[in-house]
Amino acid sequence: PVPGRRGSRTGVPYSDTWVMRIGEATAAPRIRLVCATHAGGSPDVFRAWRQAVAADVEMLALRLPGHGSRIKEHPYREWGRLVDDAFAAVSPYLERPHAFYGHSFGGRLVYELAVRAESAHPGLTTRLFLAGCRSPNRPQRHPLMHTLPDSRFRAALRSMGGTPHEVLDRGLVMDRL
């Protein structure tokens, strides 16, 4: 695919800064599936899904600043601005039936996008799939990790496993987070 080139079936760019097409639907698309990955994840993780998804589903993935091919860009620090800009970018793709899938951070993001999509494009959001995150109608039980003091933040990371103790014990590495 060539960035900026229009798709023959859909009339939307094959890819742009914010939205990446995952393969090509092999049949006339009946629905678009907009995907968002976990924090720090790359939209490339959805490429493996193309073979398992119906041929008439057009798959798109959000490319967020600070992730994947946009790793050199600064990530957003303000949730509202991220949601505003992500919705502005994805909105042209929502003018036909669509669904959203998000995992963890991506789940929270696509929930916000789905709420806005329902106002801007009523009745066209057919499904919302969330994984690895609490239901948006449930209150947050624990403080958000990024708001914790350094010692509690490190303890929370240790309790989750997966972060080598060499990383957690070196101030220089942790100070850059």
Foldseek 3Di string as FASTA:
>chain_A
DDAPDADPQPRDGCDDQFKHWQDAQPDRAQEEEEEEEAVQEAPVVCNVCPVVDHSNYTYMYTDAQCHDPNVVGDGDPDPVVRLVVNLVVCVVVQQAAYEYEYEHVGLVSVVSSVVVSCVVRNPRHDYYHYYHYDDPVDDDPDPDLVPDPLVVSLVVDVVVDDDDVVQSVDPVNVVVD
